[in-house]
C-alpha cells in the first residue's frame, strides 16, 4: 500500500519530469535547493569511498 508521502513524492517527480520535458526553467530557489542536495550527496559519497580506500 503506497504511503501518502510516497504518493506526494511521485507526484512531485512527475511535475519535475513534465517541467523538464517542456523546457520550463526551474525557479532560482529550486535550483539552489537541488544544487545543495546534490553537493551534500556527492560529499557523502566521497567520504564513503575515502573510508573504504
Protein backbone atom coordinates (compact mmCIF):
# COMPACT_ATOMS: atom_id res chain seq x y z
CA UNK A 1 0.00 0.00 0.00
CA UNK A 2 1.59 3.30 -1.09
CA UNK A 3 2.07 5.85 1.65
CA UNK A 4 0.85 9.43 1.35
CA UNK A 5 4.47 10.59 1.45
CA UNK A 6 5.41 8.23 -1.36
CA UNK A 7 2.46 9.41 -3.42
CA UNK A 8 3.40 13.06 -2.87
CA UNK A 9 6.99 12.34 -3.86
CA UNK A 10 5.85 10.56 -7.03
CA UNK A 11 3.58 13.48 -7.90
CA UNK A 12 6.46 15.91 -7.36
CA UNK A 13 8.77 13.85 -9.56
CA UNK A 14 6.08 13.74 -12.25
CA UNK A 15 5.81 17.54 -12.08
CA UNK A 16 9.59 17.87 -12.38
CA UNK A 17 9.75 15.48 -15.34
CA UNK A 18 6.92 17.28 -17.11
CA UNK A 19 8.59 20.61 -16.44
CA UNK A 20 11.90 19.41 -17.82
CA UNK A 21 10.30 17.82 -20.88
CA UNK A 22 8.64 21.10 -21.85
CA UNK A 23 11.79 23.11 -21.08
CA UNK A 24 10.26 25.00 -18.17
CA UNK A 25 13.01 26.88 -16.32
CA UNK A 26 13.26 25.97 -12.65
CA UNK A 27 12.84 28.68 -10.07
CA UNK A 28 16.14 30.01 -8.71
CA UNK A 29 15.27 28.78 -5.22
CA UNK A 30 14.55 25.29 -6.57
CA UNK A 31 17.86 25.23 -8.42
CA UNK A 32 19.74 26.30 -5.30
CA UNK A 33 18.00 23.64 -3.20
CA UNK A 34 18.71 20.98 -5.81
CA UNK A 35 22.35 22.05 -6.05
CA UNK A 36 22.70 21.94 -2.27
CA UNK A 37 21.22 18.45 -2.10
CA UNK A 38 23.49 17.19 -4.88
CA UNK A 39 26.54 18.75 -3.23
CA UNK A 40 25.75 17.01 0.07
CA UNK A 41 25.15 13.72 -1.76
CA UNK A 42 28.48 13.93 -3.59
CA UNK A 43 30.30 14.87 -0.37
CA UNK A 44 28.75 11.87 1.37
CA UNK A 45 29.76 9.55 -1.45
CA UNK A 46 33.33 10.89 -1.41
CA UNK A 47 33.57 10.29 2.35
CA UNK A 48 32.20 6.76 1.96
CA UNK A 49 34.67 5.88 -0.80
CA UNK A 50 37.56 7.52 1.09
CA UNK A 51 36.78 5.37 4.15
CA UNK A 52 36.90 2.22 2.03
CA UNK A 53 40.19 3.22 0.41
